[in-house]
Amino acid sequence: MKKILLTPKFIMLTAAFMLAITFTHAQDKTKRIGHRPKSGSANSSFDVVKGHQVGIKINAGHKPVQLLQLNFDAESEGSDSVKFKVNVYRFDDVTPGENLVKQVVTGALTRGKNRVSVDLSPYNIIAKGRILVAIEWIKNGPADNRFAIGLFNGGTYHYEDGVWKKVPIAGVDFNLLVRKV
């Protein structure tokens, strides 16, 4: 019968290895924040005018998170895709503040019903607390674009003519996949 001796060095290496696995696993935890996806018949339309924005307020939590993906349901009846830019603002419940997106992040809404997903992971966008996640139209487009909405979920914010306004009853279904930093 062989005896196995556990030396202090072996114990320390094993503990360090287990800590590294635990830390890596904790870093990979992701969750969705924002509104639940809806693809039913309730929808809302916003004019596609260059510079106009549509978004929702989201609580990202007290600890910093990295934004990995923006998702929402929308429908477009235009023949061309409608391009947009993603903005994420610090938000104090009155007006948006600093834009946390430091590079241009774009997406497109194509003809028909779509589950739109924009990969944010390469841009290392870090947020905490209340934020306003919005899409900004890059150029004028067809008015026949609709977003899936939920009722009584915090409302939708839209930016038109240099002013942020809130539609209090219905919120577009924007949500984010995030990972704790």
Protein backbone atom coordinates (compact mmCIF):
# COMPACT_ATOMS: atom_id res chain seq x y z
CA MET A 1 0.00 0.00 0.00
CA LYS A 2 1.42 3.38 -1.06
CA LYS A 3 1.25 6.39 1.16
CA ILE A 4 0.47 9.79 -0.31
CA LEU A 5 2.10 12.68 1.48
CA LEU A 6 0.41 16.05 1.25
CA THR A 7 3.17 18.59 1.43
CA PRO A 8 2.45 22.24 2.23
CA LYS A 9 3.54 23.13 -1.32
CA PHE A 10 1.01 20.69 -2.83
CA ILE A 11 -1.76 22.05 -0.60
CA MET A 12 -0.93 25.66 -1.57
CA LEU A 13 -0.91 24.84 -5.31
CA THR A 14 -4.23 23.01 -5.01
CA ALA A 15 -5.79 25.95 -3.13
CA ALA A 16 -4.49 28.44 -5.72
CA PHE A 17 -5.87 26.29 -8.55
CA MET A 18 -9.31 26.04 -6.92
CA LEU A 19 -9.37 29.81 -6.30
CA ALA A 20 -8.51 30.45 -9.97
CA ILE A 21 -11.34 28.18 -11.12
CA THR A 22 -13.80 29.89 -8.77
CA PHE A 23 -12.70 33.36 -9.91
CA THR A 24 -12.98 32.42 -13.60
CA HIS A 25 -16.41 30.91 -13.04
CA ALA A 26 -17.60 34.03 -11.21
CA GLN A 27 -16.40 36.22 -14.09
CA ASP A 28 -18.44 34.17 -16.59
CA LYS A 29 -21.78 34.76 -14.82
CA THR A 30 -24.12 36.61 -17.11
CA LYS A 31 -27.66 37.85 -16.68
CA ARG A 32 -30.30 39.83 -18.55
CA ILE A 33 -31.35 43.25 -17.35
CA GLY A 34 -34.05 45.50 -18.73
CA HIS A 35 -37.42 44.51 -20.12
CA ARG A 36 -38.48 40.95 -20.89
CA PRO A 37 -38.59 40.17 -24.62
CA LYS A 38 -42.04 40.56 -26.12
CA SER A 39 -42.99 39.62 -29.63
CA GLY A 40 -46.79 39.89 -29.42
CA SER A 41 -49.11 42.36 -31.07
CA ALA A 42 -48.50 45.31 -28.71
CA ASN A 43 -46.10 47.69 -30.40
CA SER A 44 -45.14 51.33 -30.67
CA SER A 45 -43.79 53.34 -33.56
CA PHE A 46 -41.27 56.19 -33.53
CA ASP A 47 -40.28 58.39 -36.47
CA VAL A 48 -37.02 57.38 -38.09
CA VAL A 49 -35.36 60.78 -38.28
CA LYS A 50 -31.60 61.27 -38.19
CA GLY A 51 -30.53 62.09 -34.62
CA HIS A 52 -33.77 60.95 -32.94
CA GLN A 53 -33.34 58.33 -30.22
CA VAL A 54 -35.53 55.69 -28.54
CA GLY A 55 -34.56 54.04 -25.26
CA ILE A 56 -35.39 52.81 -21.78
CA LYS A 57 -34.06 53.30 -18.27
CA ILE A 58 -32.36 50.20 -16.81
CA ASN A 59 -30.91 49.62 -13.36
CA ALA A 60 -27.51 47.99 -13.96
CA GLY A 61 -27.00 47.39 -10.21
CA HIS A 62 -24.62 48.72 -7.59
CA LYS A 63 -21.59 46.80 -8.86
CA PRO A 64 -20.04 47.41 -12.28
CA VAL A 65 -21.11 45.19 -15.18
CA GLN A 66 -19.82 44.84 -18.72
CA LEU A 67 -22.50 45.22 -21.39
CA LEU A 68 -22.32 42.23 -23.73
CA GLN A 69 -25.38 42.43 -25.98
CA LEU A 70 -28.39 44.66 -26.68
CA ASN A 71 -31.58 42.83 -27.74
CA PHE A 72 -35.07 43.91 -28.81
CA ASP A 73 -37.95 42.89 -31.08
CA ALA A 74 -38.95 45.18 -33.92
CA GLU A 75 -40.71 45.12 -37.25
CA SER A 76 -39.89 47.11 -40.35
CA GLU A 77 -41.89 47.38 -43.55
CA GLY A 78 -39.31 49.47 -45.36
CA SER A 79 -37.48 47.96 -48.32
CA ASP A 80 -34.03 48.93 -47.02
CA SER A 81 -32.51 48.19 -43.64
CA VAL A 82 -32.63 51.03 -41.14
CA LYS A 83 -29.28 51.67 -39.47
CA PHE A 84 -28.90 52.89 -35.92
CA LYS A 85 -26.21 53.71 -33.40
CA VAL A 86 -26.23 52.40 -29.79
CA ASN A 87 -25.89 54.90 -26.92
CA VAL A 88 -25.72 54.14 -23.19
CA TYR A 89 -26.02 57.15 -20.89
CA ARG A 90 -25.59 57.57 -17.15
CA PHE A 91 -29.07 58.51 -15.96
CA ASP A 92 -30.25 60.51 -12.96
CA ASP A 93 -34.01 60.02 -13.61
CA VAL A 94 -34.32 63.48 -15.13
CA THR A 95 -31.91 63.73 -18.03
CA PRO A 96 -29.25 61.50 -19.55
CA GLY A 97 -25.66 62.34 -18.68
CA GLU A 98 -22.36 61.05 -20.02
CA ASN A 99 -22.49 58.58 -22.92
CA LEU A 100 -20.61 55.46 -21.78
CA VAL A 101 -20.14 54.26 -25.38
CA LYS A 102 -16.80 55.68 -26.52
CA GLN A 103 -16.74 54.09 -29.99
CA VAL A 104 -19.42 54.03 -32.68
CA VAL A 105 -21.53 50.88 -32.23
CA THR A 106 -24.06 50.28 -35.00
CA GLY A 107 -26.83 47.86 -35.82
CA ALA A 108 -29.58 47.55 -38.39
CA LEU A 109 -33.27 46.83 -38.49
CA THR A 110 -34.10 44.75 -41.57
CA ARG A 111 -37.42 44.23 -43.35
CA GLY A 112 -39.95 42.05 -41.51
CA LYS A 113 -40.22 40.94 -37.90
CA ASN A 114 -36.82 40.76 -36.25
CA ARG A 115 -35.12 39.88 -33.00
CA VAL A 116 -32.36 42.47 -33.19
CA SER A 117 -29.11 41.72 -31.34
CA VAL A 118 -26.09 44.01 -31.23
CA ASP A 119 -22.81 42.58 -29.90
CA LEU A 120 -21.39 45.08 -27.40
CA SER A 121 -18.65 42.85 -25.96
CA PRO A 122 -15.77 44.16 -28.13
CA TYR A 123 -16.36 47.73 -26.89
CA ASN A 124 -15.78 47.07 -23.16
CA ILE A 125 -18.71 49.25 -22.02
CA ILE A 126 -18.82 49.25 -18.21
CA ALA A 127 -21.88 50.54 -16.34
CA LYS A 128 -23.43 50.62 -12.90
CA GLY A 129 -26.46 52.29 -11.36
CA ARG A 130 -29.19 53.72 -13.54
CA ILE A 131 -28.50 53.97 -17.25
CA LEU A 132 -30.51 54.93 -20.32
CA VAL A 133 -29.98 52.51 -23.22
CA ALA A 134 -31.00 54.04 -26.54
CA ILE A 135 -30.71 53.59 -30.26
CA GLU A 136 -30.12 56.66 -32.43
CA TRP A 137 -31.18 56.74 -36.07
CA ILE A 138 -28.20 57.38 -38.35
CA LYS A 139 -30.29 58.68 -41.26
CA ASN A 140 -33.91 59.30 -42.14
CA GLY A 141 -35.89 56.18 -42.96
CA PRO A 142 -39.38 54.78 -43.44
CA ALA A 143 -41.95 55.49 -40.74
CA ASP A 144 -43.26 51.90 -40.77
CA ASN A 145 -41.02 50.61 -37.97
CA ARG A 146 -42.55 49.21 -34.80
CA PHE A 147 -41.06 48.03 -31.51
CA ALA A 148 -42.51 45.36 -29.24
CA ILE A 149 -43.57 46.94 -25.94
CA GLY A 150 -44.68 46.07 -22.46
CA LEU A 151 -47.23 48.00 -20.44
CA PHE A 152 -46.54 49.62 -17.05
CA ASN A 153 -42.81 48.77 -17.13
CA GLY A 154 -41.19 52.17 -16.73
CA GLY A 155 -41.97 53.71 -20.09
CA THR A 156 -39.97 54.71 -23.13
CA TYR A 157 -37.71 57.72 -23.50
CA HIS A 158 -37.35 59.36 -26.89
CA TYR A 159 -35.17 62.23 -28.03
CA GLU A 160 -36.64 64.57 -30.62
CA ASP A 161 -35.85 68.17 -31.53
CA GLY A 162 -33.16 68.45 -28.85
CA VAL A 163 -35.43 67.34 -25.97
CA TRP A 164 -35.82 64.03 -24.09
CA LYS A 165 -39.46 63.05 -23.53
CA LYS A 166 -40.98 60.11 -21.69
CA VAL A 167 -43.93 57.96 -22.74
CA PRO A 168 -44.87 56.72 -19.24
CA ILE A 169 -47.19 53.77 -19.90
CA ALA A 170 -45.42 51.58 -22.48
CA GLY A 171 -41.74 50.64 -22.59
CA VAL A 172 -39.95 49.17 -25.60
CA ASP A 173 -38.59 45.70 -24.84
CA PHE A 174 -34.87 46.59 -24.83
CA ASN A 175 -32.76 44.33 -22.65
CA LEU A 176 -29.05 43.78 -22.10
CA LEU A 177 -26.96 40.71 -21.50
CA VAL A 178 -24.35 41.74 -18.91
CA ARG A 179 -21.46 40.17 -16.99
CA LYS A 180 -20.20 41.19 -13.56
CA VAL A 181 -16.79 42.84 -13.74
